[in-house]
């Protein structure tokens, strides 16, 4: 039985295996893959655990060596995994071709019919799972995976509101995951956003869902307190700039642009940012400090291979101090 009273943040979504081409090669240019565990919500859970929070993951994995290995990897990084269900089914996968120079990265999903996608909407006891939790984190990838996963996400968010937990929602529109259901996405995402206190989304997301801008979101969603997003300027795949923004109903807080050179792996940077914002809100940082911390966390993720941001609070504070050196001795 999952002991939720020890968790501060509960994350719900699909855990994936990532198979990526090595050394920025094209997919299958050589006959091997680098393998990492990932998934948007799992990435947030790992990062929050690294920041010292009690983070738990709710998901469904196949009862197989692959599924068990994924859960073990989350536990290795301090995430509670008692609420992960194991059942018959296949593992959700995605394949990554790293970008280089002016060639962008590319993601190929292979997750249709996974154990998570086929799990029934009522497979999770949200009243028990959310007991004692302060936050629930969900993303818009979940309803893209299947109708039943989307219904489970809605039930989770509704239960969280009823139990007094706050809800964060990352819009994360992925056209390739929605597939032929893409025309349903605006209405589904809008419905989920109605439950959120914190939304990770930018102007494109709100134009897609509402036909309006960020201000329209505050008008449309009565529970919404904050909107957070990053802005990226690209010179090439390896040289970019990243800045962050946190908006409340009255004020806007922005960061300085951070230069990114020699990017190692940008997958998961948005989730690192999301975890940083949640960290700031849980720790009662002022809004400016919150978005500064979150954006610095996203910057550091670009230096770490794999989906997970393994940077600590001390690592992020060092970046913000502008006192970083080649070697810390």
Foldseek 3Di string as FASTA:
>chain_A
DDQQQQAAEEEEDAKAKEWEDPPLDFVPPDPGTDIFIDDLRLQLQLLLVLQPGAYEYAFEAEPDPVRVVNLVVSVVSPYHYPRYHYYHFAGWYKYWRPADWARHIDIGTDGAGGRRQPDALPPHDLLNNCVNYQEYEYELLQCLQHVRSLSNLVVNLVSCVVNNHAYEYEDPDDCNSNDPVVVVSLVSSLVSLLSHQEYEDAQVNCCSNPVGGPLVSCVSHVNHAKYKYKDKADPHSFWIWIKIWMDGNPDIAIDDIDIGGRFDDQAQLRSQLVSLLVVCVVVVHPPNVSNLLSRLQSRQQRNDPHNHRNDHSVNSVCVVVVPDDPDDD
